[in-house]
């Protein structure tokens, strides 16, 4: 019996630990929904230039000061902010964690597919049609992450609706733009797997 490579064992252990940690995070998040004696918080981006609410009256603006060409400065205000809800209701608490509740199962599914592929590596024949399907599934799952920011934006609009913050240009701070790019790369790799297994089966048929 061939001994399992140490690298594959380490990757499998890391993935199993990640799955257990993800399950624990989801359980803790769900328990926190029923804990009203806390302050809910979300990191967000606020664009003051696209805010519909009236801007506060500012102090008189002094005459512009000439600066040398090529001078680098940092302009205010900053776009980083934290949206807080004091003693949120169960519904508000659920909305605060909804994007993470959507993301974690997708990443867990990706990890499960990777574990199944690691098992085929251990058996010595990773280039199979089944692994091509698994890679394609991973690519589609990663591309589906691109829909989470839309859900997150809907959640933020719902949380600030009917409050003084309604009309403020608030957007999620999390950046998931990497997911579609990685997903397309994985889909391309899946197609290479599929074509490679097809060519191998054709060559075996000629022997």
N, C-alpha and C. Protein backbone atom coordinates (compact mmCIF):
# COMPACT_ATOMS: atom_id res chain seq x y z
N UNK A 1 0.84 -1.20 0.00
CA UNK A 1 0.00 0.00 0.00
C UNK A 1 0.88 1.25 0.00
N UNK A 2 0.63 2.17 -0.93
CA UNK A 2 1.42 3.39 -1.01
C UNK A 2 1.14 4.30 0.17
N UNK A 3 2.22 4.84 0.66
CA UNK A 3 2.06 5.75 1.79
C UNK A 3 1.55 7.10 1.30
N UNK A 4 0.63 7.65 2.04
CA UNK A 4 0.03 8.93 1.67
C UNK A 4 1.06 10.04 1.83
N UNK A 5 1.25 10.89 0.80
CA UNK A 5 2.23 11.99 0.92
C UNK A 5 1.88 12.91 2.09
N UNK A 6 2.94 13.42 2.75
CA UNK A 6 2.72 14.26 3.92
C UNK A 6 2.01 15.56 3.55
N UNK A 7 2.29 16.09 2.36
CA UNK A 7 1.64 17.34 1.96
C UNK A 7 0.14 17.19 1.86
N UNK A 8 -0.31 16.07 1.28
CA UNK A 8 -1.75 15.83 1.15
C UNK A 8 -2.38 15.67 2.52
N UNK A 9 -1.71 14.97 3.42
CA UNK A 9 -2.25 14.80 4.78
C UNK A 9 -2.39 16.14 5.48
N UNK A 10 -1.39 17.01 5.33
CA UNK A 10 -1.45 18.32 5.97
C UNK A 10 -2.59 19.15 5.41
N UNK A 11 -2.76 19.13 4.08
CA UNK A 11 -3.86 19.88 3.46
C UNK A 11 -5.20 19.36 3.95
N UNK A 12 -5.36 18.04 4.05
CA UNK A 12 -6.61 17.47 4.52
C UNK A 12 -6.90 17.89 5.96
N UNK A 13 -5.87 17.85 6.80
CA UNK A 13 -6.05 18.23 8.21
C UNK A 13 -6.46 19.70 8.31
N UNK A 14 -5.81 20.56 7.53
CA UNK A 14 -6.14 21.99 7.56
C UNK A 14 -7.59 22.20 7.12
N UNK A 15 -8.02 21.48 6.10
CA UNK A 15 -9.39 21.63 5.62
C UNK A 15 -10.41 21.13 6.64
N UNK A 16 -10.10 20.02 7.30
CA UNK A 16 -11.00 19.52 8.34
C UNK A 16 -11.10 20.52 9.49
N UNK A 17 -9.96 21.08 9.89
CA UNK A 17 -9.98 22.09 10.95
C UNK A 17 -10.81 23.29 10.51
N UNK A 18 -10.64 23.72 9.25
CA UNK A 18 -11.41 24.84 8.73
C UNK A 18 -12.91 24.57 8.75
N UNK A 19 -13.31 23.34 8.41
CA UNK A 19 -14.73 22.99 8.44
C UNK A 19 -15.29 23.04 9.85
N UNK A 20 -14.54 22.51 10.82
CA UNK A 20 -14.99 22.57 12.21
C UNK A 20 -15.07 24.00 12.72
N UNK A 21 -14.08 24.82 12.36
CA UNK A 21 -14.09 26.22 12.79
C UNK A 21 -15.28 26.94 12.16
N UNK A 22 -15.56 26.67 10.87
CA UNK A 22 -16.70 27.31 10.22
C UNK A 22 -18.01 26.92 10.88
N UNK A 23 -18.14 25.63 11.24
CA UNK A 23 -19.36 25.19 11.93
C UNK A 23 -19.50 25.89 13.28
N UNK A 24 -18.37 26.04 14.00
CA UNK A 24 -18.42 26.72 15.29
C UNK A 24 -18.79 28.19 15.13
N UNK A 25 -18.25 28.83 14.10
CA UNK A 25 -18.57 30.25 13.86
C UNK A 25 -20.05 30.43 13.56
N UNK A 26 -20.61 29.54 12.74
CA UNK A 26 -22.04 29.64 12.42
C UNK A 26 -22.88 29.45 13.67
N UNK A 27 -22.52 28.47 14.51
CA UNK A 27 -23.27 28.23 15.74
C UNK A 27 -23.21 29.43 16.67
N UNK A 28 -22.02 30.01 16.83
CA UNK A 28 -21.87 31.18 17.70
C UNK A 28 -22.66 32.36 17.15
N UNK A 29 -22.63 32.53 15.82
CA UNK A 29 -23.38 33.63 15.21
C UNK A 29 -24.88 33.46 15.42
N UNK A 30 -25.37 32.23 15.28
CA UNK A 30 -26.80 32.00 15.47
C UNK A 30 -27.20 32.21 16.93
N UNK A 31 -26.33 31.82 17.85
CA UNK A 31 -26.63 32.05 19.27
C UNK A 31 -26.66 33.54 19.58
N UNK A 32 -25.77 34.30 18.93
CA UNK A 32 -25.72 35.74 19.19
C UNK A 32 -26.99 36.45 18.72
N UNK A 33 -27.73 35.84 17.80
CA UNK A 33 -28.98 36.45 17.35
C UNK A 33 -29.95 36.61 18.51
N UNK A 34 -29.93 35.69 19.45
CA UNK A 34 -30.87 35.71 20.57
C UNK A 34 -30.32 36.42 21.79
N UNK A 35 -29.15 37.05 21.64
CA UNK A 35 -28.56 37.81 22.73
C UNK A 35 -28.82 39.29 22.47
N UNK A 36 -29.81 39.84 23.13
CA UNK A 36 -30.20 41.24 22.89
C UNK A 36 -29.37 42.23 23.70
N UNK A 37 -28.65 41.76 24.71
CA UNK A 37 -27.87 42.67 25.55
C UNK A 37 -26.48 42.89 24.96
N UNK A 38 -26.46 43.40 23.77
CA UNK A 38 -25.19 43.66 23.10
C UNK A 38 -25.40 44.75 22.06
N UNK A 39 -24.31 45.13 21.41
CA UNK A 39 -24.37 46.11 20.33
C UNK A 39 -23.93 45.45 19.05
N UNK A 40 -24.83 45.44 18.07
CA UNK A 40 -24.48 44.89 16.77
C UNK A 40 -23.67 45.89 15.97
N UNK A 41 -22.71 45.39 15.20
CA UNK A 41 -21.83 46.29 14.44
C UNK A 41 -21.46 45.66 13.12
N UNK A 42 -21.30 46.51 12.12
CA UNK A 42 -20.84 46.10 10.80
C UNK A 42 -19.92 47.17 10.25
N UNK A 43 -18.80 46.76 9.68
CA UNK A 43 -17.91 47.71 9.01
C UNK A 43 -18.50 48.02 7.63
N UNK A 44 -18.59 49.30 7.33
CA UNK A 44 -19.19 49.74 6.07
C UNK A 44 -18.35 50.86 5.46
N UNK A 45 -18.68 51.18 4.21
CA UNK A 45 -18.12 52.34 3.54
C UNK A 45 -19.22 53.38 3.38
N UNK A 46 -18.90 54.62 3.65
CA UNK A 46 -19.85 55.72 3.52
C UNK A 46 -19.29 56.73 2.53
N UNK A 47 -20.08 57.00 1.50
CA UNK A 47 -19.67 57.99 0.49
C UNK A 47 -20.42 59.29 0.76
N UNK A 48 -19.79 60.28 1.39
CA UNK A 48 -20.50 61.53 1.72
C UNK A 48 -20.90 62.32 0.48
N UNK A 49 -20.25 62.06 -0.66
CA UNK A 49 -20.56 62.81 -1.87
C UNK A 49 -21.79 62.27 -2.59
N UNK A 50 -22.25 61.05 -2.19
CA UNK A 50 -23.44 60.47 -2.82
C UNK A 50 -24.57 60.32 -1.82
N UNK A 51 -24.49 61.03 -0.71
CA UNK A 51 -25.50 60.94 0.34
C UNK A 51 -26.64 61.90 0.06
N UNK A 52 -27.87 61.38 0.19
CA UNK A 52 -29.04 62.20 -0.12
C UNK A 52 -29.45 63.10 1.03
N UNK A 53 -28.98 62.79 2.25
CA UNK A 53 -29.35 63.60 3.41
C UNK A 53 -28.63 64.93 3.37
N UNK A 54 -29.24 65.99 3.92
CA UNK A 54 -28.59 67.30 3.88
C UNK A 54 -27.28 67.28 4.63
N UNK A 55 -26.31 67.92 4.06
CA UNK A 55 -25.01 68.00 4.70
C UNK A 55 -25.02 69.06 5.79
N UNK A 56 -24.30 68.85 6.89
CA UNK A 56 -24.26 69.84 7.96
C UNK A 56 -23.61 71.12 7.49
N UNK A 57 -24.01 72.23 8.12
CA UNK A 57 -23.44 73.52 7.76
C UNK A 57 -21.99 73.56 8.20
N UNK A 58 -21.13 73.88 7.30
CA UNK A 58 -19.70 73.88 7.61
C UNK A 58 -19.24 75.30 7.87
N UNK A 59 -18.06 75.39 8.38
CA UNK A 59 -17.46 76.69 8.66
C UNK A 59 -17.10 77.37 7.35
N UNK A 60 -16.97 78.69 7.36
CA UNK A 60 -16.58 79.38 6.13
C UNK A 60 -15.28 78.84 5.58
N UNK A 61 -15.25 78.70 4.27
CA UNK A 61 -14.08 78.13 3.61
C UNK A 61 -13.10 79.24 3.30
N UNK A 62 -11.89 79.04 3.71
CA UNK A 62 -10.86 80.04 3.44
C UNK A 62 -10.41 79.94 2.00
N UNK A 63 -9.70 80.93 1.57
CA UNK A 63 -9.22 80.96 0.19
C UNK A 63 -8.28 79.78 -0.04
N UNK A 64 -8.36 79.17 -1.22
CA UNK A 64 -7.49 78.02 -1.50
C UNK A 64 -6.02 78.41 -1.43
N UNK A 65 -5.26 77.50 -0.87
CA UNK A 65 -3.83 77.73 -0.71
C UNK A 65 -3.11 77.03 -1.85
N UNK A 66 -2.26 77.72 -2.50
CA UNK A 66 -1.51 77.14 -3.61
C UNK A 66 -0.47 76.17 -3.07
N UNK A 67 -0.41 75.00 -3.69
CA UNK A 67 0.57 74.00 -3.29
C UNK A 67 1.44 73.68 -4.49
N UNK A 68 2.67 73.28 -4.24
CA UNK A 68 3.56 72.97 -5.36
C UNK A 68 3.04 71.80 -6.19
N UNK A 69 3.36 71.81 -7.46
CA UNK A 69 2.97 70.73 -8.35
C UNK A 69 3.60 69.42 -7.91
N UNK A 70 2.79 68.35 -7.92
CA UNK A 70 3.29 67.04 -7.51
C UNK A 70 3.13 66.75 -6.04
N UNK A 71 2.55 67.69 -5.26
CA UNK A 71 2.36 67.48 -3.83
C UNK A 71 1.27 66.42 -3.61
N UNK A 72 1.56 65.46 -2.73
CA UNK A 72 0.63 64.38 -2.42
C UNK A 72 -0.03 64.67 -1.08
N UNK A 73 -1.35 64.67 -1.04
CA UNK A 73 -2.09 64.93 0.19
C UNK A 73 -3.17 63.89 0.37
N UNK A 74 -3.67 63.78 1.58
CA UNK A 74 -4.78 62.89 1.91
C UNK A 74 -6.00 63.74 2.20
N UNK A 75 -7.07 63.58 1.41
CA UNK A 75 -8.25 64.40 1.55
C UNK A 75 -9.28 63.71 2.44
N UNK A 76 -9.92 64.49 3.25
CA UNK A 76 -10.98 64.01 4.11
C UNK A 76 -12.32 64.31 3.45
N UNK A 77 -13.41 63.65 3.84
CA UNK A 77 -13.51 62.70 4.93
C UNK A 77 -13.16 61.28 4.51
N UNK A 78 -12.89 60.46 5.48
CA UNK A 78 -12.61 59.06 5.21
C UNK A 78 -13.90 58.33 4.87
N UNK A 79 -13.80 57.25 4.13
CA UNK A 79 -14.96 56.48 3.71
C UNK A 79 -15.23 55.30 4.64
N UNK A 80 -14.34 55.06 5.60
CA UNK A 80 -14.51 53.94 6.52
C UNK A 80 -15.42 54.34 7.67
N UNK A 81 -16.32 53.43 8.07
CA UNK A 81 -17.21 53.70 9.19
C UNK A 81 -17.67 52.37 9.78
N UNK A 82 -18.27 52.43 10.95
CA UNK A 82 -18.84 51.26 11.62
C UNK A 82 -20.30 51.54 11.91
N UNK A 83 -21.16 50.71 11.36
CA UNK A 83 -22.59 50.83 11.61
C UNK A 83 -22.93 50.04 12.87
N UNK A 84 -23.47 50.71 13.89
CA UNK A 84 -23.77 50.05 15.15
C UNK A 84 -25.27 50.12 15.44
N UNK A 85 -25.76 49.08 16.10
CA UNK A 85 -27.16 49.02 16.52
C UNK A 85 -27.17 48.63 18.00
N UNK A 86 -27.62 49.53 18.84
CA UNK A 86 -27.66 49.26 20.28
C UNK A 86 -28.82 48.32 20.59
N UNK A 87 -28.52 47.23 21.27
CA UNK A 87 -29.51 46.23 21.65
C UNK A 87 -30.42 45.89 20.46
N UNK A 88 -29.85 45.29 19.42
CA UNK A 88 -30.65 45.00 18.21
C UNK A 88 -31.70 43.94 18.48
N UNK A 89 -32.77 43.99 17.70
CA UNK A 89 -33.80 42.95 17.78
C UNK A 89 -33.26 41.66 17.15
N UNK A 90 -34.01 40.57 17.33
CA UNK A 90 -33.56 39.31 16.73
C UNK A 90 -33.46 39.44 15.22
N UNK A 91 -34.41 40.13 14.60
CA UNK A 91 -34.40 40.31 13.16
C UNK A 91 -33.20 41.12 12.72
N UNK A 92 -32.88 42.19 13.45
CA UNK A 92 -31.72 43.01 13.10
C UNK A 92 -30.42 42.22 13.29
N UNK A 93 -30.35 41.43 14.35
CA UNK A 93 -29.16 40.61 14.57
C UNK A 93 -28.98 39.59 13.46
N UNK A 94 -30.09 39.01 13.01
CA UNK A 94 -30.02 38.05 11.91
C UNK A 94 -29.56 38.72 10.63
N UNK A 95 -30.07 39.91 10.35
CA UNK A 95 -29.65 40.63 9.15
C UNK A 95 -28.16 40.97 9.19
N UNK A 96 -27.65 41.30 10.38
CA UNK A 96 -26.24 41.65 10.50
C UNK A 96 -25.32 40.50 10.12
N UNK A 97 -25.74 39.27 10.40
CA UNK A 97 -24.89 38.11 10.12
C UNK A 97 -25.29 37.38 8.85
N UNK A 98 -26.35 37.84 8.17
CA UNK A 98 -26.84 37.13 6.98
C UNK A 98 -25.77 36.98 5.90
N UNK A 99 -24.99 38.01 5.55
CA UNK A 99 -23.96 37.80 4.51
C UNK A 99 -22.97 36.71 4.87
N UNK A 100 -22.55 36.66 6.15
CA UNK A 100 -21.62 35.62 6.57
C UNK A 100 -22.28 34.24 6.55
N UNK A 101 -23.57 34.19 6.88
CA UNK A 101 -24.29 32.91 6.83
C UNK A 101 -24.40 32.40 5.40
N UNK A 102 -24.39 33.28 4.43
CA UNK A 102 -24.41 32.86 3.03
C UNK A 102 -23.02 32.47 2.55
N UNK A 103 -22.00 33.15 3.05
CA UNK A 103 -20.63 32.90 2.59
C UNK A 103 -20.07 31.59 3.15
N UNK A 104 -20.29 31.33 4.42
CA UNK A 104 -19.68 30.17 5.07
C UNK A 104 -20.09 28.86 4.42
N UNK A 105 -21.38 28.59 4.15
CA UNK A 105 -21.73 27.32 3.50
C UNK A 105 -21.09 27.15 2.12
N UNK A 106 -20.95 28.25 1.38
CA UNK A 106 -20.31 28.16 0.06
C UNK A 106 -18.85 27.73 0.22
N UNK A 107 -18.14 28.36 1.14
CA UNK A 107 -16.74 27.99 1.37
C UNK A 107 -16.60 26.58 1.91
N UNK A 108 -17.56 26.15 2.73
CA UNK A 108 -17.54 24.77 3.24
C UNK A 108 -17.75 23.78 2.11
N UNK A 109 -18.65 24.09 1.18
CA UNK A 109 -18.87 23.22 0.03
C UNK A 109 -17.61 23.12 -0.83
N UNK A 110 -16.93 24.26 -1.01
CA UNK A 110 -15.66 24.25 -1.74
C UNK A 110 -14.65 23.35 -1.04
N UNK A 111 -14.58 23.46 0.29
CA UNK A 111 -13.64 22.63 1.05
C UNK A 111 -13.97 21.14 0.91
N UNK A 112 -15.25 20.79 0.90
CA UNK A 112 -15.65 19.39 0.76
C UNK A 112 -15.21 18.85 -0.61
N UNK A 113 -15.45 19.63 -1.66
CA UNK A 113 -15.01 19.21 -3.00
C UNK A 113 -13.49 19.04 -3.05
N UNK A 114 -12.76 19.95 -2.40
CA UNK A 114 -11.30 19.83 -2.38
C UNK A 114 -10.86 18.60 -1.61
N UNK A 115 -11.55 18.27 -0.52
CA UNK A 115 -11.23 17.05 0.23
C UNK A 115 -11.45 15.82 -0.63
N UNK A 116 -12.52 15.79 -1.40
CA UNK A 116 -12.77 14.66 -2.29
C UNK A 116 -11.68 14.54 -3.35
N UNK A 117 -11.20 15.70 -3.83
CA UNK A 117 -10.11 15.67 -4.79
C UNK A 117 -8.81 15.20 -4.14
N UNK A 118 -8.57 15.62 -2.90
CA UNK A 118 -7.39 15.14 -2.20
C UNK A 118 -7.42 13.62 -2.05
N UNK A 119 -8.59 13.07 -1.83
CA UNK A 119 -8.71 11.62 -1.71
C UNK A 119 -8.32 10.93 -3.02
N UNK A 120 -8.71 11.53 -4.16
CA UNK A 120 -8.32 10.95 -5.44
C UNK A 120 -6.82 11.10 -5.67
N UNK A 121 -6.22 12.19 -5.17
CA UNK A 121 -4.77 12.32 -5.26
C UNK A 121 -4.09 11.20 -4.48
N UNK A 122 -4.66 10.89 -3.33
CA UNK A 122 -4.09 9.85 -2.49
C UNK A 122 -4.18 8.49 -3.17
N UNK A 123 -5.24 8.30 -3.97
CA UNK A 123 -5.40 7.03 -4.68
C UNK A 123 -4.54 6.96 -5.93
N UNK A 124 -3.91 8.08 -6.31
CA UNK A 124 -2.93 8.05 -7.38
C UNK A 124 -3.43 8.42 -8.76
N UNK A 125 -4.70 8.78 -8.92
CA UNK A 125 -5.23 9.13 -10.24
C UNK A 125 -6.14 10.34 -10.14
N UNK A 126 -5.55 11.54 -10.06
CA UNK A 126 -6.39 12.73 -9.91
C UNK A 126 -7.07 13.18 -11.20
N UNK A 127 -6.52 12.80 -12.37
CA UNK A 127 -7.06 13.29 -13.64
C UNK A 127 -8.18 12.37 -14.11
N UNK A 128 -9.35 12.59 -13.51
CA UNK A 128 -10.53 11.81 -13.83
C UNK A 128 -11.67 12.75 -14.18
N UNK A 129 -12.68 12.25 -14.93
CA UNK A 129 -13.85 13.09 -15.22
C UNK A 129 -14.56 13.58 -13.97
N UNK A 130 -14.54 12.78 -12.91
CA UNK A 130 -15.20 13.20 -11.68
C UNK A 130 -14.54 14.44 -11.10
N UNK A 131 -13.21 14.47 -11.12
CA UNK A 131 -12.51 15.64 -10.60
C UNK A 131 -12.73 16.87 -11.48
N UNK A 132 -12.92 16.67 -12.78
CA UNK A 132 -13.24 17.79 -13.65
C UNK A 132 -14.59 18.39 -13.26
N UNK A 133 -15.55 17.53 -12.93
CA UNK A 133 -16.86 18.01 -12.49
C UNK A 133 -16.73 18.72 -11.14
N UNK A 134 -15.91 18.17 -10.27
CA UNK A 134 -15.71 18.81 -8.95
C UNK A 134 -15.09 20.19 -9.11
N UNK A 135 -14.10 20.31 -9.98
CA UNK A 135 -13.48 21.62 -10.20
C UNK A 135 -14.49 22.60 -10.79
N UNK A 136 -15.31 22.13 -11.72
CA UNK A 136 -16.33 23.02 -12.29
C UNK A 136 -17.31 23.46 -11.21
N UNK A 137 -17.66 22.56 -10.30
CA UNK A 137 -18.57 22.93 -9.21
C UNK A 137 -17.94 23.96 -8.30
N UNK A 138 -16.63 23.80 -8.02
CA UNK A 138 -15.93 24.79 -7.20
C UNK A 138 -15.93 26.15 -7.89
N UNK A 139 -15.68 26.16 -9.19
CA UNK A 139 -15.69 27.43 -9.92
C UNK A 139 -17.04 28.12 -9.87
N UNK A 140 -18.11 27.35 -10.04
CA UNK A 140 -19.46 27.94 -9.99
C UNK A 140 -19.78 28.46 -8.59
N UNK A 141 -19.35 27.71 -7.58
CA UNK A 141 -19.59 28.17 -6.20
C UNK A 141 -18.86 29.47 -5.92
N UNK A 142 -17.61 29.57 -6.38
CA UNK A 142 -16.86 30.80 -6.16
C UNK A 142 -17.49 31.97 -6.90
N UNK A 143 -17.99 31.73 -8.10
CA UNK A 143 -18.64 32.81 -8.84
C UNK A 143 -19.94 33.24 -8.18
N UNK A 144 -20.61 32.31 -7.49
CA UNK A 144 -21.85 32.67 -6.81
C UNK A 144 -21.61 33.64 -5.65
N UNK A 145 -20.37 33.69 -5.14
CA UNK A 145 -20.05 34.62 -4.06
C UNK A 145 -20.26 36.06 -4.51
N UNK A 146 -20.19 36.30 -5.82
CA UNK A 146 -20.36 37.66 -6.33
C UNK A 146 -21.75 38.21 -6.03
N UNK A 147 -22.72 37.34 -5.72
CA UNK A 147 -24.07 37.80 -5.40
C UNK A 147 -24.20 38.27 -3.96
N UNK A 148 -23.24 37.91 -3.10
CA UNK A 148 -23.34 38.27 -1.68
C UNK A 148 -23.31 39.78 -1.48
N UNK A 149 -22.47 40.58 -2.18
CA UNK A 149 -22.53 42.03 -1.97
C UNK A 149 -23.89 42.63 -2.27
N UNK A 150 -24.63 42.07 -3.21
CA UNK A 150 -25.98 42.58 -3.48
C UNK A 150 -26.90 42.31 -2.29
N UNK A 151 -26.78 41.12 -1.70
CA UNK A 151 -27.55 40.82 -0.50
C UNK A 151 -27.13 41.72 0.65
N UNK A 152 -25.82 41.94 0.77
CA UNK A 152 -25.30 42.79 1.84
C UNK A 152 -25.81 44.22 1.69
N UNK A 153 -25.82 44.74 0.47
CA UNK A 153 -26.33 46.10 0.24
C UNK A 153 -27.82 46.19 0.59
N UNK A 154 -28.58 45.15 0.23
CA UNK A 154 -30.01 45.12 0.59
C UNK A 154 -30.18 45.11 2.10
N UNK A 155 -29.35 44.35 2.80
CA UNK A 155 -29.41 44.28 4.26
C UNK A 155 -29.15 45.66 4.87
N UNK A 156 -28.13 46.35 4.38
CA UNK A 156 -27.80 47.67 4.93
C UNK A 156 -28.93 48.67 4.68
N UNK A 157 -29.52 48.63 3.49
CA UNK A 157 -30.66 49.53 3.23
C UNK A 157 -31.82 49.22 4.16
N UNK A 158 -32.03 47.95 4.44
CA UNK A 158 -33.13 47.57 5.32
C UNK A 158 -32.85 48.01 6.76
N UNK A 159 -31.60 47.91 7.19
CA UNK A 159 -31.25 48.28 8.56
C UNK A 159 -31.38 49.78 8.81
N UNK A 160 -31.06 50.59 7.83
CA UNK A 160 -31.11 52.05 8.04
C UNK A 160 -32.46 52.64 7.63
N UNK A 161 -33.34 51.82 7.07
CA UNK A 161 -34.65 52.32 6.65
C UNK A 161 -35.44 52.82 7.85
N UNK A 162 -36.00 54.00 7.75
CA UNK A 162 -36.77 54.58 8.84
C UNK A 162 -35.95 55.17 9.95
N UNK A 163 -34.65 55.30 9.77
CA UNK A 163 -33.76 55.89 10.77
C UNK A 163 -33.17 57.17 10.20
N UNK A 164 -32.53 57.99 11.04
CA UNK A 164 -31.87 59.21 10.53
C UNK A 164 -30.81 58.92 9.48
N UNK A 165 -30.32 57.68 9.40
CA UNK A 165 -29.30 57.34 8.41
C UNK A 165 -29.89 56.99 7.05
N UNK A 166 -31.21 56.95 6.95
CA UNK A 166 -31.81 56.63 5.66
C UNK A 166 -31.44 57.70 4.63
N UNK A 167 -31.00 57.26 3.47
CA UNK A 167 -30.53 58.18 2.46
C UNK A 167 -29.02 58.32 2.43
N UNK A 168 -28.35 57.80 3.46
CA UNK A 168 -26.89 57.84 3.48
C UNK A 168 -26.35 56.78 2.53
N UNK A 169 -25.35 57.13 1.76
CA UNK A 169 -24.75 56.21 0.79
C UNK A 169 -23.83 55.23 1.52
N UNK A 170 -24.43 54.16 2.05
CA UNK A 170 -23.68 53.14 2.79
C UNK A 170 -23.54 51.91 1.91
N UNK A 171 -22.33 51.42 1.80
CA UNK A 171 -22.05 50.20 1.04
C UNK A 171 -21.25 49.24 1.90
N UNK A 172 -21.31 47.93 1.60
CA UNK A 172 -20.56 46.96 2.40
C UNK A 172 -19.05 47.19 2.31
N UNK A 173 -18.37 46.95 3.41
CA UNK A 173 -16.91 47.12 3.42
C UNK A 173 -16.20 45.91 2.85
N UNK A 174 -16.84 44.74 2.87
CA UNK A 174 -16.21 43.53 2.38
C UNK A 174 -16.08 43.59 0.86
N UNK A 175 -14.97 43.09 0.36
CA UNK A 175 -14.69 43.11 -1.08
C UNK A 175 -14.63 41.68 -1.58
N UNK A 176 -15.60 41.30 -2.41
CA UNK A 176 -15.65 39.95 -2.96
C UNK A 176 -15.33 39.93 -4.45
N UNK A 177 -14.67 40.97 -4.96
CA UNK A 177 -14.39 41.02 -6.38
C UNK A 177 -13.41 39.93 -6.82
N UNK A 178 -12.67 39.35 -5.87
CA UNK A 178 -11.74 38.30 -6.22
C UNK A 178 -12.46 37.01 -6.61
N UNK A 179 -13.67 36.79 -6.08
CA UNK A 179 -14.34 35.50 -6.24
C UNK A 179 -14.64 35.17 -7.70
N UNK A 180 -15.27 36.08 -8.49
CA UNK A 180 -15.52 35.72 -9.90
C UNK A 180 -14.25 35.45 -10.69
N UNK A 181 -13.18 36.20 -10.39
CA UNK A 181 -11.93 36.01 -11.13
C UNK A 181 -11.34 34.63 -10.82
N UNK A 182 -11.30 34.28 -9.53
CA UNK A 182 -10.79 32.96 -9.15
C UNK A 182 -11.72 31.87 -9.69
N UNK A 183 -13.03 32.12 -9.63
CA UNK A 183 -13.98 31.14 -10.15
C UNK A 183 -13.77 30.86 -11.63
N UNK A 184 -13.53 31.91 -12.43
CA UNK A 184 -13.27 31.72 -13.86
C UNK A 184 -11.98 30.92 -14.07
N UNK A 185 -10.97 31.20 -13.25
CA UNK A 185 -9.73 30.44 -13.36
C UNK A 185 -9.93 28.97 -13.05
N UNK A 186 -10.72 28.67 -12.02
CA UNK A 186 -11.01 27.28 -11.66
C UNK A 186 -11.83 26.59 -12.76
N UNK A 187 -12.78 27.31 -13.36
CA UNK A 187 -13.55 26.74 -14.47
C UNK A 187 -12.66 26.41 -15.66
N UNK A 188 -11.69 27.29 -15.93
CA UNK A 188 -10.74 27.00 -17.01
C UNK A 188 -9.91 25.76 -16.68
N UNK A 189 -9.48 25.64 -15.41
CA UNK A 189 -8.73 24.46 -15.00
C UNK A 189 -9.59 23.20 -15.12
N UNK A 190 -10.87 23.31 -14.81
CA UNK A 190 -11.77 22.17 -14.93
C UNK A 190 -11.88 21.72 -16.39
N UNK A 191 -11.90 22.70 -17.30
CA UNK A 191 -11.96 22.35 -18.72
C UNK A 191 -10.68 21.65 -19.16
N UNK A 192 -9.52 22.09 -18.65
CA UNK A 192 -8.27 21.39 -18.95
C UNK A 192 -8.32 19.95 -18.44
N UNK A 193 -8.84 19.77 -17.24
CA UNK A 193 -8.99 18.43 -16.68
C UNK A 193 -9.88 17.58 -17.59
N UNK A 194 -10.99 18.16 -18.03
CA UNK A 194 -11.94 17.40 -18.83
C UNK A 194 -11.33 17.01 -20.17
N UNK A 195 -10.66 17.96 -20.82
CA UNK A 195 -10.03 17.66 -22.10
C UNK A 195 -8.89 16.66 -21.93
N UNK A 196 -8.12 16.80 -20.83
CA UNK A 196 -7.01 15.86 -20.59
C UNK A 196 -7.49 14.45 -20.37
N UNK A 197 -8.55 14.28 -19.59
CA UNK A 197 -9.08 12.94 -19.36
C UNK A 197 -9.67 12.35 -20.65
N UNK A 198 -10.27 13.20 -21.48
CA UNK A 198 -10.83 12.71 -22.74
C UNK A 198 -9.73 12.25 -23.68
N UNK A 199 -8.64 13.05 -23.77
CA UNK A 199 -7.52 12.66 -24.63
C UNK A 199 -6.87 11.38 -24.12
N UNK A 200 -6.75 11.25 -22.80
CA UNK A 200 -6.14 10.05 -22.25
C UNK A 200 -6.97 8.81 -22.57
N UNK A 201 -8.30 8.94 -22.44
CA UNK A 201 -9.17 7.80 -22.75
C UNK A 201 -9.10 7.46 -24.24
N UNK A 202 -8.97 8.49 -25.11
CA UNK A 202 -8.84 8.22 -26.54
C UNK A 202 -7.53 7.49 -26.85
N UNK A 203 -6.43 7.91 -26.19
CA UNK A 203 -5.15 7.24 -26.40
C UNK A 203 -5.17 5.81 -25.89
N UNK A 204 -5.81 5.59 -24.75
CA UNK A 204 -5.93 4.23 -24.23
C UNK A 204 -6.75 3.36 -25.16
N UNK A 205 -7.73 3.95 -25.85
CA UNK A 205 -8.54 3.17 -26.79
C UNK A 205 -7.78 2.79 -28.04
N UNK A 206 -6.69 3.56 -28.37
CA UNK A 206 -5.91 3.24 -29.54
C UNK A 206 -4.86 2.17 -29.27
N UNK A 207 -4.53 1.95 -28.00
CA UNK A 207 -3.51 0.96 -27.65
C UNK A 207 -4.08 -0.44 -27.76
